[in-house]
């Protein structure tokens, strides 16, 4: 490895450890801004979804840690890493990233100002990270009981949101396009609280409630409750187990929507939930 790459890895580790001291969970990134650790399940297409329950590295943002020893282990396993990602949605900051892009034809900063005027909110003084392409990442803190999803262009053209399950490239990271840096005067700030009016815009519209179908009976309701009781780190495992039992008992199709709703309540995205249920259907010999 070239000396410059070794220096970039050393600097990335130092910046990542500094971020972890502020309570920000981190993972190593490659020069492409993707997680540097590859999935340990990449050669097993039939493997059920895993968010780190197997105990190995390589699960993207689900590997994110604040423990310095674990961070050093991840960087030791990825000597090609030149940056680090900061996981969003985790305590204590419950970070929300407002990514003001420059790749679209729309002025994303102007679009955000227009939203602020229309919905009567002000972006408070907070951490701002400058991207190599000329964009900006605004760091905001969300409430602990609210799950802000990731989105691209939903708030306004050119504005992407990094929420639960997403990550932001940390300042000091080096990529193929340049270095991410904290904007002058913001490095000492903590992520400011997200204005309530903006927070409402970031949340998806309420989903219609799908009660457990009568045909599913008490057993189906029990499986739904089993998923609802999942804690972080066991959400996919519980959902997969419940979906397998549902398909084995002949109530899988009737229970799909209630299980998806239960999974959303635990913090999974709809895409993750439906992918897990589809895997359970295939595993039990059913069509998803």
Foldseek 3Di string as FASTA:
>chain_A
DDPVQLVLLVLQLVLQLVVLVVVWWKAFAALARFGQAAAPCPVPPLDFDALCLVVDDHNGPSQTDSPSVSRVVRSVVRSRGRFMWTAACDPDQNKKKKKQADPDPDRSVVLVVVVCVVLVHDQDQAKWKADLVGIIIAIAGEDNQDWQPWDAQQLHHRITMHGHPGIDTDASGHHPRGGMHIDPPHPVGHHHHDPPSVVVSRHDPDDDDDPQDVVQPPLLVVLLVQLLPDAPRCNLVSLLVSLLVCVVVPNNVSNLVSSLVSSVSNPDDSVSSNSSSCSSQVVNPHHD
